[in-house]
Amino acid sequence: MIFIRKINPLLSKLLDSNSSPKPTSSEQRAHCLILASQGVKKRELMNIFRISYKTLYKWFTRWELEGMIGLYNKPGRGEEALFNSSQKAQIKDWAKQEPKQLKNVSQKVQEAWG
């Protein structure tokens, strides 16, 4: 049995309410917690969600420490933006001027900012 913070019926309903055809990472984590609270073994959870023991441990630890907030990805993940907001606006303007000549837009971006 996995010892995690107790999931009451209202919280279980909230965790389970966000089901979509392709679940997000936070929905997967919530589903994993619900299954764990129902007594599903760690090994089975690792197989169901195709995660390592380390990942499962992180999910449970974040749930214990942060609650619902711990289910969501933290900011700063992913690739940094290549252009700032004013550069993006300029690129959109160029694309509107020449919607069928995106190679020209790409060339302008290369000339302007490398």
PDB file of N, CA and C in Angstrom:
ATOM      1  N   MET A   1       0.841  -1.186   0.000  1.00  0.00           N
ATOM      2  CA  MET A   1       0.000   0.000   0.000  1.00  0.00           C
ATOM      3  C   MET A   1       0.880   1.240   0.000  1.00  0.00           C
ATOM      4  N   ILE A   2       0.479   2.215  -0.782  1.00  0.00           N
ATOM      5  CA  ILE A   2       1.223   3.456  -0.873  1.00  0.00           C
ATOM      6  C   ILE A   2       0.613   4.454   0.100  1.00  0.00           C
ATOM      7  N   PHE A   3       1.453   5.088   0.895  1.00  0.00           N
ATOM      8  CA  PHE A   3       0.956   6.044   1.868  1.00  0.00           C
ATOM      9  C   PHE A   3       1.079   7.449   1.301  1.00  0.00           C
ATOM     10  N   ILE A   4      -0.040   7.991   0.861  1.00  0.00           N
ATOM     11  CA  ILE A   4      -0.083   9.363   0.391  1.00  0.00           C
ATOM     12  C   ILE A   4      -1.197  10.078   1.128  1.00  0.00           C
ATOM     13  N   ARG A   5      -1.182  11.409   1.010  1.00  0.00           N
ATOM     14  CA  ARG A   5      -2.218  12.201   1.651  1.00  0.00           C
ATOM     15  C   ARG A   5      -3.594  11.677   1.248  1.00  0.00           C
ATOM     16  N   LYS A   6      -4.493  11.608   2.203  1.00  0.00           N
ATOM     17  CA  LYS A   6      -5.821  11.059   1.963  1.00  0.00           C
ATOM     18  C   LYS A   6      -6.560  11.900   0.917  1.00  0.00           C
ATOM     19  N   ILE A   7      -7.217  11.221  -0.011  1.00  0.00           N
ATOM     20  CA  ILE A   7      -8.007  11.876  -1.040  1.00  0.00           C
ATOM     21  C   ILE A   7      -9.474  11.686  -0.678  1.00  0.00           C
ATOM     22  N   ASN A   8     -10.115  12.753  -0.237  1.00  0.00           N
ATOM     23  CA  ASN A   8     -11.524  12.659   0.133  1.00  0.00           C
ATOM     24  C   ASN A   8     -12.391  12.628  -1.134  1.00  0.00           C
ATOM     25  N   PRO A   9     -13.654  12.256  -1.033  1.00  0.00           N
ATOM     26  CA  PRO A   9     -14.517  12.129  -2.221  1.00  0.00           C
ATOM     27  C   PRO A   9     -14.622  13.400  -3.054  1.00  0.00           C
ATOM     28  N   LEU A  10     -14.674  14.573  -2.415  1.00  0.00           N
ATOM     29  CA  LEU A  10     -14.763  15.825  -3.155  1.00  0.00           C
ATOM     30  C   LEU A  10     -13.493  16.085  -3.952  1.00  0.00           C
ATOM     31  N   LEU A  11     -12.344  15.848  -3.329  1.00  0.00           N
ATOM     32  CA  LEU A  11     -11.067  16.029  -4.010  1.00  0.00           C
ATOM     33  C   LEU A  11     -10.917  15.016  -5.135  1.00  0.00           C
ATOM     34  N   SER A  12     -11.349  13.791  -4.916  1.00  0.00           N
ATOM     35  CA  SER A  12     -11.315  12.764  -5.951  1.00  0.00           C
ATOM     36  C   SER A  12     -12.148  13.185  -7.157  1.00  0.00           C
ATOM     37  N   LYS A  13     -13.308  13.766  -6.900  1.00  0.00           N
ATOM     38  CA  LYS A  13     -14.175  14.234  -7.986  1.00  0.00           C
ATOM     39  C   LYS A  13     -13.489  15.348  -8.755  1.00  0.00           C
ATOM     40  N   LEU A  14     -12.840  16.262  -8.051  1.00  0.00           N
ATOM     41  CA  LEU A  14     -12.121  17.362  -8.683  1.00  0.00           C
ATOM     42  C   LEU A  14     -10.959  16.848  -9.516  1.00  0.00           C
ATOM     43  N   LEU A  15     -10.202  15.903  -8.968  1.00  0.00           N
ATOM     44  CA  LEU A  15      -9.075  15.338  -9.696  1.00  0.00           C
ATOM     45  C   LEU A  15      -9.540  14.609 -10.948  1.00  0.00           C
ATOM     46  N   ASP A  16     -10.669  13.922 -10.845  1.00  0.00           N
ATOM     47  CA  ASP A  16     -11.174  13.101 -11.945  1.00  0.00           C
ATOM     48  C   ASP A  16     -11.970  13.903 -12.972  1.00  0.00           C
ATOM     49  N   SER A  17     -12.321  15.149 -12.678  1.00  0.00           N
ATOM     50  CA  SER A  17     -13.206  15.921 -13.548  1.00  0.00           C
ATOM     51  C   SER A  17     -12.531  16.418 -14.817  1.00  0.00           C
ATOM     52  N   ASN A  18     -11.231  16.431 -14.860  1.00  0.00           N
ATOM     53  CA  ASN A  18     -10.517  16.986 -16.004  1.00  0.00           C
ATOM     54  C   ASN A  18     -10.117  15.934 -17.018  1.00  0.00           C
ATOM     55  N   SER A  19     -11.013  15.023 -17.340  1.00  0.00           N
ATOM     56  CA  SER A  19     -10.637  13.977 -18.289  1.00  0.00           C
ATOM     57  C   SER A  19     -10.909  14.443 -19.710  1.00  0.00           C
ATOM     58  N   SER A  20      -9.932  14.262 -20.579  1.00  0.00           N
ATOM     59  CA  SER A  20     -10.054  14.628 -21.985  1.00  0.00           C
ATOM     60  C   SER A  20      -9.507  13.474 -22.821  1.00  0.00           C
ATOM     61  N   PRO A  21      -9.773  13.474 -24.140  1.00  0.00           N
ATOM     62  CA  PRO A  21      -9.291  12.362 -24.967  1.00  0.00           C
ATOM     63  C   PRO A  21      -7.777  12.134 -24.852  1.00  0.00           C
ATOM     64  N   LYS A  22      -7.000  13.218 -24.844  1.00  0.00           N
ATOM     65  CA  LYS A  22      -5.556  13.091 -24.652  1.00  0.00           C
ATOM     66  C   LYS A  22      -5.209  13.834 -23.362  1.00  0.00           C
ATOM     67  N   PRO A  23      -5.066  13.094 -22.259  1.00  0.00           N
ATOM     68  CA  PRO A  23      -4.880  13.760 -20.970  1.00  0.00           C
ATOM     69  C   PRO A  23      -3.573  14.543 -20.895  1.00  0.00           C
ATOM     70  N   THR A  24      -3.631  15.667 -20.189  1.00  0.00           N
ATOM     71  CA  THR A  24      -2.433  16.462 -19.950  1.00  0.00           C
ATOM     72  C   THR A  24      -1.610  15.792 -18.856  1.00  0.00           C
ATOM     73  N   SER A  25      -0.424  16.304 -18.640  1.00  0.00           N
ATOM     74  CA  SER A  25       0.441  15.716 -17.617  1.00  0.00           C
ATOM     75  C   SER A  25      -0.179  15.859 -16.228  1.00  0.00           C
ATOM     76  N   SER A  26      -0.840  16.984 -15.965  1.00  0.00           N
ATOM     77  CA  SER A  26      -1.467  17.149 -14.647  1.00  0.00           C
ATOM     78  C   SER A  26      -2.630  16.178 -14.471  1.00  0.00           C
ATOM     79  N   GLU A  27      -3.371  15.898 -15.545  1.00  0.00           N
ATOM     80  CA  GLU A  27      -4.467  14.930 -15.467  1.00  0.00           C
ATOM     81  C   GLU A  27      -3.939  13.521 -15.232  1.00  0.00           C
ATOM     82  N   GLN A  28      -2.804  13.194 -15.858  1.00  0.00           N
ATOM     83  CA  GLN A  28      -2.190  11.885 -15.634  1.00  0.00           C
ATOM     84  C   GLN A  28      -1.761  11.742 -14.180  1.00  0.00           C
ATOM     85  N   ARG A  29      -1.160  12.791 -13.640  1.00  0.00           N
ATOM     86  CA  ARG A  29      -0.715  12.741 -12.244  1.00  0.00           C
ATOM     87  C   ARG A  29      -1.905  12.567 -11.308  1.00  0.00           C
ATOM     88  N   ALA A  30      -2.995  13.292 -11.595  1.00  0.00           N
ATOM     89  CA  ALA A  30      -4.197  13.175 -10.769  1.00  0.00           C
ATOM     90  C   ALA A  30      -4.760  11.759 -10.843  1.00  0.00           C
ATOM     91  N   HIS A  31      -4.812  11.191 -12.040  1.00  0.00           N
ATOM     92  CA  HIS A  31      -5.316   9.828 -12.213  1.00  0.00           C
ATOM     93  C   HIS A  31      -4.440   8.838 -11.445  1.00  0.00           C
ATOM     94  N   CYS A  32      -3.142   9.035 -11.505  1.00  0.00           N
ATOM     95  CA  CYS A  32      -2.208   8.173 -10.780  1.00  0.00           C
ATOM     96  C   CYS A  32      -2.477   8.239  -9.274  1.00  0.00           C
ATOM     97  N   LEU A  33      -2.713   9.430  -8.752  1.00  0.00           N
ATOM     98  CA  LEU A  33      -2.991   9.584  -7.322  1.00  0.00           C
ATOM     99  C   LEU A  33      -4.286   8.890  -6.925  1.00  0.00           C
ATOM    100  N   ILE A  34      -5.294   9.007  -7.768  1.00  0.00           N
ATOM    101  CA  ILE A  34      -6.569   8.354  -7.479  1.00  0.00           C
ATOM    102  C   ILE A  34      -6.373   6.842  -7.424  1.00  0.00           C
ATOM    103  N   LEU A  35      -5.654   6.293  -8.416  1.00  0.00           N
ATOM    104  CA  LEU A  35      -5.404   4.846  -8.424  1.00  0.00           C
ATOM    105  C   LEU A  35      -4.593   4.419  -7.207  1.00  0.00           C
ATOM    106  N   ALA A  36      -3.600   5.235  -6.844  1.00  0.00           N
ATOM    107  CA  ALA A  36      -2.775   4.911  -5.675  1.00  0.00           C
ATOM    108  C   ALA A  36      -3.618   4.904  -4.408  1.00  0.00           C
ATOM    109  N   SER A  37      -4.545   5.858  -4.306  1.00  0.00           N
ATOM    110  CA  SER A  37      -5.392   5.907  -3.108  1.00  0.00           C
ATOM    111  C   SER A  37      -6.365   4.732  -3.055  1.00  0.00           C
ATOM    112  N   GLN A  38      -6.605   4.106  -4.208  1.00  0.00           N
ATOM    113  CA  GLN A  38      -7.481   2.935  -4.264  1.00  0.00           C
ATOM    114  C   GLN A  38      -6.718   1.634  -4.052  1.00  0.00           C
ATOM    115  N   GLY A  39      -5.412   1.745  -3.810  1.00  0.00           N
ATOM    116  CA  GLY A  39      -4.624   0.572  -3.466  1.00  0.00           C
ATOM    117  C   GLY A  39      -3.847  -0.063  -4.602  1.00  0.00           C
ATOM    118  N   VAL A  40      -3.764   0.591  -5.754  1.00  0.00           N
ATOM    119  CA  VAL A  40      -2.980   0.037  -6.857  1.00  0.00           C
ATOM    120  C   VAL A  40      -1.502   0.094  -6.479  1.00  0.00           C
ATOM    121  N   LYS A  41      -0.777  -0.972  -6.734  1.00  0.00           N
ATOM    122  CA  LYS A  41       0.637  -1.086  -6.364  1.00  0.00           C
ATOM    123  C   LYS A  41       1.514  -0.169  -7.218  1.00  0.00           C
ATOM    124  N   LYS A  42       2.674   0.196  -6.640  1.00  0.00           N
ATOM    125  CA  LYS A  42       3.613   1.087  -7.336  1.00  0.00           C
ATOM    126  C   LYS A  42       4.047   0.523  -8.684  1.00  0.00           C
ATOM    127  N   ARG A  43       4.363  -0.749  -8.733  1.00  0.00           N
ATOM    128  CA  ARG A  43       4.817  -1.381  -9.977  1.00  0.00           C
ATOM    129  C   ARG A  43       3.743  -1.271 -11.065  1.00  0.00           C
ATOM    130  N   GLU A  44       2.492  -1.487 -10.678  1.00  0.00           N
ATOM    131  CA  GLU A  44       1.391  -1.376 -11.642  1.00  0.00           C
ATOM    132  C   GLU A  44       1.247   0.060 -12.139  1.00  0.00           C
ATOM    133  N   LEU A  45       1.374   1.025 -11.234  1.00  0.00           N
ATOM    134  CA  LEU A  45       1.285   2.426 -11.627  1.00  0.00           C
ATOM    135  C   LEU A  45       2.402   2.789 -12.604  1.00  0.00           C
ATOM    136  N   MET A  46       3.590   2.287 -12.343  1.00  0.00           N
ATOM    137  CA  MET A  46       4.714   2.550 -13.242  1.00  0.00           C
ATOM    138  C   MET A  46       4.436   1.992 -14.637  1.00  0.00           C
ATOM    139  N   ASN A  47       3.813   0.816 -14.699  1.00  0.00           N
ATOM    140  CA  ASN A  47       3.478   0.217 -15.994  1.00  0.00           C
ATOM    141  C   ASN A  47       2.335   0.953 -16.688  1.00  0.00           C
ATOM    142  N   ILE A  48       1.319   1.317 -15.938  1.00  0.00           N
ATOM    143  CA  ILE A  48       0.157   2.010 -16.517  1.00  0.00           C
ATOM    144  C   ILE A  48       0.569   3.344 -17.135  1.00  0.00           C
ATOM    145  N   PHE A  49       1.363   4.109 -16.402  1.00  0.00           N
ATOM    146  CA  PHE A  49       1.726   5.448 -16.853  1.00  0.00           C
ATOM    147  C   PHE A  49       3.068   5.498 -17.576  1.00  0.00           C
ATOM    148  N   ARG A  50       3.719   4.353 -17.668  1.00  0.00           N
ATOM    149  CA  ARG A  50       5.018   4.236 -18.356  1.00  0.00           C
ATOM    150  C   ARG A  50       6.025   5.249 -17.810  1.00  0.00           C
ATOM    151  N   ILE A  51       6.203   5.196 -16.507  1.00  0.00           N
ATOM    152  CA  ILE A  51       7.125   6.092 -15.819  1.00  0.00           C
ATOM    153  C   ILE A  51       8.074   5.285 -14.958  1.00  0.00           C
ATOM    154  N   SER A  52       9.161   5.918 -14.563  1.00  0.00           N
ATOM    155  CA  SER A  52      10.135   5.259 -13.692  1.00  0.00           C
ATOM    156  C   SER A  52       9.714   5.418 -12.236  1.00  0.00           C
ATOM    157  N   TYR A  53      10.376   4.669 -11.372  1.00  0.00           N
ATOM    158  CA  TYR A  53      10.108   4.774  -9.938  1.00  0.00           C
ATOM    159  C   TYR A  53      10.429   6.194  -9.465  1.00  0.00           C
ATOM    160  N   LYS A  54      11.493   6.777 -10.009  1.00  0.00           N
ATOM    161  CA  LYS A  54      11.904   8.127  -9.619  1.00  0.00           C
ATOM    162  C   LYS A  54      10.802   9.143  -9.951  1.00  0.00           C
ATOM    163  N   THR A  55      10.196   9.014 -11.122  1.00  0.00           N
ATOM    164  CA  THR A  55       9.119   9.919 -11.520  1.00  0.00           C
ATOM    165  C   THR A  55       7.911   9.742 -10.618  1.00  0.00           C
ATOM    166  N   LEU A  56       7.551   8.503 -10.337  1.00  0.00           N
ATOM    167  CA  LEU A  56       6.424   8.216  -9.449  1.00  0.00           C
ATOM    168  C   LEU A  56       6.670   8.829  -8.075  1.00  0.00           C
ATOM    169  N   TYR A  57       7.869   8.675  -7.571  1.00  0.00           N
ATOM    170  CA  TYR A  57       8.244   9.238  -6.277  1.00  0.00           C
ATOM    171  C   TYR A  57       8.109  10.763  -6.300  1.00  0.00           C
ATOM    172  N   LYS A  58       8.556  11.406  -7.409  1.00  0.00           N
ATOM    173  CA  LYS A  58       8.446  12.863  -7.523  1.00  0.00           C
ATOM    174  C   LYS A  58       6.987  13.313  -7.513  1.00  0.00           C
ATOM    175  N   TRP A  59       6.138  12.582  -8.247  1.00  0.00           N
ATOM    176  CA  TRP A  59       4.710  12.922  -8.288  1.00  0.00           C
ATOM    177  C   TRP A  59       4.107  12.883  -6.891  1.00  0.00           C
ATOM    178  N   PHE A  60       4.390  11.814  -6.150  1.00  0.00           N
ATOM    179  CA  PHE A  60       3.837  11.669  -4.809  1.00  0.00           C
ATOM    180  C   PHE A  60       4.404  12.721  -3.855  1.00  0.00           C
ATOM    181  N   THR A  61       5.689  13.007  -3.966  1.00  0.00           N
ATOM    182  CA  THR A  61       6.319  13.999  -3.099  1.00  0.00           C
ATOM    183  C   THR A  61       5.726  15.378  -3.339  1.00  0.00           C
ATOM    184  N   ARG A  62       5.556  15.752  -4.622  1.00  0.00           N
ATOM    185  CA  ARG A  62       4.968  17.060  -4.925  1.00  0.00           C
ATOM    186  C   ARG A  62       3.524  17.130  -4.451  1.00  0.00           C
ATOM    187  N   TRP A  63       2.795  16.015  -4.533  1.00  0.00           N
ATOM    188  CA  TRP A  63       1.427  15.991  -4.030  1.00  0.00           C
ATOM    189  C   TRP A  63       1.414  16.224  -2.525  1.00  0.00           C
ATOM    190  N   GLU A  64       2.328  15.544  -1.827  1.00  0.00           N
ATOM    191  CA  GLU A  64       2.387  15.678  -0.374  1.00  0.00           C
ATOM    192  C   GLU A  64       2.768  17.097   0.054  1.00  0.00           C
ATOM    193  N   LEU A  65       3.708  17.709  -0.654  1.00  0.00           N
ATOM    194  CA  LEU A  65       4.206  19.020  -0.261  1.00  0.00           C
ATOM    195  C   LEU A  65       3.339  20.173  -0.750  1.00  0.00           C
ATOM    196  N   GLU A  66       2.805  20.058  -1.982  1.00  0.00           N
ATOM    197  CA  GLU A  66       2.143  21.201  -2.612  1.00  0.00           C
ATOM    198  C   GLU A  66       0.653  21.004  -2.856  1.00  0.00           C
ATOM    199  N   GLY A  67       0.158  19.794  -2.691  1.00  0.00           N
ATOM    200  CA  GLY A  67      -1.255  19.544  -2.954  1.00  0.00           C
ATOM    201  C   GLY A  67      -1.583  19.663  -4.436  1.00  0.00           C
ATOM    202  N   MET A  68      -2.728  20.284  -4.750  1.00  0.00           N
ATOM    203  CA  MET A  68      -3.188  20.396  -6.141  1.00  0.00           C
ATOM    204  C   MET A  68      -2.181  21.118  -7.028  1.00  0.00           C
ATOM    205  N   ILE A  69      -1.518  22.124  -6.498  1.00  0.00           N
ATOM    206  CA  ILE A  69      -0.544  22.893  -7.282  1.00  0.00           C
ATOM    207  C   ILE A  69       0.603  21.994  -7.745  1.00  0.00           C
ATOM    208  N   GLY A  70       0.941  21.007  -6.956  1.00  0.00           N
ATOM    209  CA  GLY A  70       2.023  20.096  -7.294  1.00  0.00           C
ATOM    210  C   GLY A  70       1.740  19.210  -8.494  1.00  0.00           C
ATOM    211  N   LEU A  71       0.484  19.147  -8.930  1.00  0.00           N
ATOM    212  CA  LEU A  71       0.140  18.336 -10.097  1.00  0.00           C
ATOM    213  C   LEU A  71       0.541  19.011 -11.410  1.00  0.00           C
ATOM    214  N   TYR A  72       0.682  20.315 -11.386  1.00  0.00           N
ATOM    215  CA  TYR A  72       0.933  21.079 -12.604  1.00  0.00           C
ATOM    216  C   TYR A  72       2.423  21.280 -12.851  1.00  0.00           C
ATOM    217  N   ASN A  73       2.783  21.463 -14.126  1.00  0.00           N
ATOM    218  CA  ASN A  73       4.169  21.729 -14.484  1.00  0.00           C
ATOM    219  C   ASN A  73       4.581  23.089 -13.937  1.00  0.00           C
ATOM    220  N   LYS A  74       5.808  23.182 -13.513  1.00  0.00           N
ATOM    221  CA  LYS A  74       6.323  24.444 -13.005  1.00  0.00           C
ATOM    222  C   LYS A  74       6.711  25.336 -14.172  1.00  0.00           C
ATOM    223  N   PRO A  75       6.650  26.665 -13.994  1.00  0.00           N
ATOM    224  CA  PRO A  75       7.055  27.552 -15.081  1.00  0.00           C
ATOM    225  C   PRO A  75       8.538  27.402 -15.377  1.00  0.00           C
ATOM    226  N   GLY A  76       8.909  27.732 -16.588  1.00  0.00           N
ATOM    227  CA  GLY A  76      10.304  27.668 -16.984  1.00  0.00           C
ATOM    228  C   GLY A  76      10.676  26.394 -17.716  1.00  0.00           C
ATOM    229  N   ARG A  77       9.689  25.510 -17.893  1.00  0.00           N
ATOM    230  CA  ARG A  77       9.956  24.278 -18.624  1.00  0.00           C
ATOM    231  C   ARG A  77       9.876  24.576 -20.113  1.00  0.00           C
ATOM    232  N   GLY A  78      10.569  23.792 -20.898  1.00  0.00           N
ATOM    233  CA  GLY A  78      10.483  23.945 -22.346  1.00  0.00           C
ATOM    234  C   GLY A  78      11.545  24.879 -22.890  1.00  0.00           C
ATOM    235  N   GLU A  79      11.480  25.074 -24.179  1.00  0.00           N
ATOM    236  CA  GLU A  79      12.468  25.879 -24.878  1.00  0.00           C
ATOM    237  C   GLU A  79      12.166  27.360 -24.716  1.00  0.00           C
ATOM    238  N   GLU A  80      13.215  28.169 -24.578  1.00  0.00           N
ATOM    239  CA  GLU A  80      13.033  29.600 -24.451  1.00  0.00           C
ATOM    240  C   GLU A  80      12.617  30.193 -25.789  1.00  0.00           C
ATOM    241  N   ALA A  81      11.861  31.273 -25.739  1.00  0.00           N
ATOM    242  CA  ALA A  81      11.398  31.941 -26.957  1.00  0.00           C
ATOM    243  C   ALA A  81      12.585  32.536 -27.713  1.00  0.00           C
ATOM    244  N   LEU A  82      12.530  32.454 -29.032  1.00  0.00           N
ATOM    245  CA  LEU A  82      13.598  33.014 -29.859  1.00  0.00           C
ATOM    246  C   LEU A  82      13.455  34.522 -30.027  1.00  0.00           C
ATOM    247  N   PHE A  83      12.210  35.011 -29.989  1.00  0.00           N
ATOM    248  CA  PHE A  83      11.960  36.418 -30.252  1.00  0.00           C
ATOM    249  C   PHE A  83      11.161  37.031 -29.106  1.00  0.00           C
ATOM    250  N   ASN A  84      11.417  38.326 -28.851  1.00  0.00           N
ATOM    251  CA  ASN A  84      10.618  39.022 -27.844  1.00  0.00           C
ATOM    252  C   ASN A  84       9.302  39.471 -28.467  1.00  0.00           C
ATOM    253  N   SER A  85       8.436  40.100 -27.684  1.00  0.00           N
ATOM    254  CA  SER A  85       7.090  40.432 -28.164  1.00  0.00           C
ATOM    255  C   SER A  85       7.105  41.441 -29.306  1.00  0.00           C
ATOM    256  N   SER A  86       7.995  42.422 -29.280  1.00  0.00           N
ATOM    257  CA  SER A  86       8.041  43.402 -30.378  1.00  0.00           C
ATOM    258  C   SER A  86       8.551  42.753 -31.667  1.00  0.00           C
ATOM    259  N   GLN A  87       9.499  41.832 -31.538  1.00  0.00           N
ATOM    260  CA  GLN A  87       9.987  41.119 -32.718  1.00  0.00           C
ATOM    261  C   GLN A  87       8.887  40.238 -33.309  1.00  0.00           C
ATOM    262  N   LYS A  88       8.113  39.587 -32.453  1.00  0.00           N
ATOM    263  CA  LYS A  88       7.005  38.753 -32.926  1.00  0.00           C
ATOM    264  C   LYS A  88       5.977  39.594 -33.673  1.00  0.00           C
ATOM    265  N   ALA A  89       5.682  40.784 -33.142  1.00  0.00           N
ATOM    266  CA  ALA A  89       4.728  41.672 -33.799  1.00  0.00           C
ATOM    267  C   ALA A  89       5.241  42.082 -35.181  1.00  0.00           C
ATOM    268  N   GLN A  90       6.530  42.379 -35.270  1.00  0.00           N
ATOM    269  CA  GLN A  90       7.124  42.762 -36.556  1.00  0.00           C
ATOM    270  C   GLN A  90       7.047  41.610 -37.558  1.00  0.00           C
ATOM    271  N   ILE A  91       7.323  40.420 -37.108  1.00  0.00           N
ATOM    272  CA  ILE A  91       7.253  39.240 -37.981  1.00  0.00           C
ATOM    273  C   ILE A  91       5.825  39.030 -38.471  1.00  0.00           C
ATOM    274  N   LYS A  92       4.834  39.211 -37.601  1.00  0.00           N
ATOM    275  CA  LYS A  92       3.433  39.076 -38.005  1.00  0.00           C
ATOM    276  C   LYS A  92       3.067  40.112 -39.061  1.00  0.00           C
ATOM    277  N   ASP A  93       3.548  41.347 -38.886  1.00  0.00           N
ATOM    278  CA  ASP A  93       3.280  42.388 -39.877  1.00  0.00           C
ATOM    279  C   ASP A  93       3.874  42.017 -41.228  1.00  0.00           C
ATOM    280  N   TRP A  94       5.110  41.534 -41.215  1.00  0.00           N
ATOM    281  CA  TRP A  94       5.742  41.124 -42.474  1.00  0.00           C
ATOM    282  C   TRP A  94       4.960  39.990 -43.130  1.00  0.00           C
ATOM    283  N   ALA A  95       4.494  39.050 -42.322  1.00  0.00           N
ATOM    284  CA  ALA A  95       3.732  37.917 -42.851  1.00  0.00           C
ATOM    285  C   ALA A  95       2.395  38.376 -43.430  1.00  0.00           C
ATOM    286  N   LYS A  96       1.771  39.396 -42.827  1.00  0.00           N
ATOM    287  CA  LYS A  96       0.517  39.932 -43.373  1.00  0.00           C
ATOM    288  C   LYS A  96       0.750  40.646 -44.695  1.00  0.00           C
ATOM    289  N   GLN A  97       1.888  41.319 -44.815  1.00  0.00           N
ATOM    290  CA  GLN A  97       2.209  42.029 -46.052  1.00  0.00           C
ATOM    291  C   GLN A  97       2.457  41.061 -47.207  1.00  0.00           C
ATOM    292  N   GLU A  98       3.096  39.954 -46.904  1.00  0.00           N
ATOM    293  CA  GLU A  98       3.423  38.956 -47.929  1.00  0.00           C
ATOM    294  C   GLU A  98       3.022  37.557 -47.462  1.00  0.00           C
ATOM    295  N   PRO A  99       1.719  37.262 -47.385  1.00  0.00           N
ATOM    296  CA  PRO A  99       1.296  35.975 -46.839  1.00  0.00           C
ATOM    297  C   PRO A  99       1.696  34.763 -47.683  1.00  0.00           C
ATOM    298  N   LYS A 100       1.933  34.975 -48.961  1.00  0.00           N
ATOM    299  CA  LYS A 100       2.306  33.850 -49.827  1.00  0.00           C
ATOM    300  C   LYS A 100       3.804  33.783 -50.093  1.00  0.00           C
ATOM    301  N   GLN A 101       4.548  34.653 -49.463  1.00  0.00           N
ATOM    302  CA  GLN A 101       5.998  34.689 -49.662  1.00  0.00           C
ATOM    303  C   GLN A 101       6.721  34.614 -48.321  1.00  0.00           C
ATOM    304  N   LEU A 102       6.504  33.511 -47.624  1.00  0.00           N
ATOM    305  CA  LEU A 102       7.099  33.380 -46.297  1.00  0.00           C
ATOM    306  C   LEU A 102       8.616  33.241 -46.335  1.00  0.00           C
ATOM    307  N   LYS A 103       9.160  32.854 -47.484  1.00  0.00           N
ATOM    308  CA  LYS A 103      10.626  32.823 -47.602  1.00  0.00           C
ATOM    309  C   LYS A 103      11.191  34.240 -47.486  1.00  0.00           C
ATOM    310  N   ASN A 104      10.446  35.210 -48.047  1.00  0.00           N
ATOM    311  CA  ASN A 104      10.872  36.610 -47.932  1.00  0.00           C
ATOM    312  C   ASN A 104      10.824  37.067 -46.476  1.00  0.00           C
ATOM    313  N   VAL A 105       9.795  36.642 -45.758  1.00  0.00           N
ATOM    314  CA  VAL A 105       9.679  36.984 -44.338  1.00  0.00           C
ATOM    315  C   VAL A 105      10.846  36.377 -43.573  1.00  0.00           C
ATOM    316  N   SER A 106      11.145  35.140 -43.857  1.00  0.00           N
ATOM    317  CA  SER A 106      12.270  34.468 -43.206  1.00  0.00           C
ATOM    318  C   SER A 106      13.576  35.194 -43.489  1.00  0.00           C
ATOM    319  N   GLN A 107      13.727  35.664 -44.720  1.00  0.00           N
ATOM    320  CA  GLN A 107      14.941  36.392 -45.101  1.00  0.00           C
ATOM    321  C   GLN A 107      15.007  37.712 -44.338  1.00  0.00           C
ATOM    322  N   LYS A 108      13.878  38.413 -44.182  1.00  0.00           N
ATOM    323  CA  LYS A 108      13.858  39.658 -43.435  1.00  0.00           C
ATOM    324  C   LYS A 108      14.226  39.440 -41.969  1.00  0.00           C
ATOM    325  N   VAL A 109      13.722  38.349 -41.411  1.00  0.00           N
ATOM    326  CA  VAL A 109      14.052  38.016 -40.013  1.00  0.00           C
ATOM    327  C   VAL A 109      15.539  37.743 -39.892  1.00  0.00           C
ATOM    328  N   GLN A 110      16.096  37.021 -40.834  1.00  0.00           N
ATOM    329  CA  GLN A 110      17.522  36.704 -40.810  1.00  0.00           C
ATOM    330  C   GLN A 110      18.357  37.983 -40.909  1.00  0.00           C
ATOM    331  N   GLU A 111      17.951  38.884 -41.793  1.00  0.00           N
ATOM    332  CA  GLU A 111      18.696  40.146 -41.972  1.00  0.00           C
ATOM    333  C   GLU A 111      18.578  41.042 -40.734  1.00  0.00           C
ATOM    334  N   ALA A 112      17.386  41.067 -40.142  1.00  0.00           N
ATOM    335  CA  ALA A 112      17.146  41.958 -39.011  1.00  0.00           C
ATOM    336  C   ALA A 112      17.814  41.476 -37.723  1.00  0.00           C
ATOM    337  N   TRP A 113      17.705  40.183 -37.442  1.00  0.00           N
ATOM    338  CA  TRP A 113      18.174  39.695 -36.140  1.00  0.00           C
ATOM    339  C   TRP A 113      19.144  38.514 -36.207  1.00  0.00           C
ATOM    340  N   GLY A 114      19.490  38.101 -37.378  1.00  0.00           N
ATOM    341  CA  GLY A 114      20.437  36.986 -37.520  1.00  0.00           C
ATOM    342  C   GLY A 114      19.806  35.694 -37.191  1.00  0.00           C
TER     343      GLY A 114
END
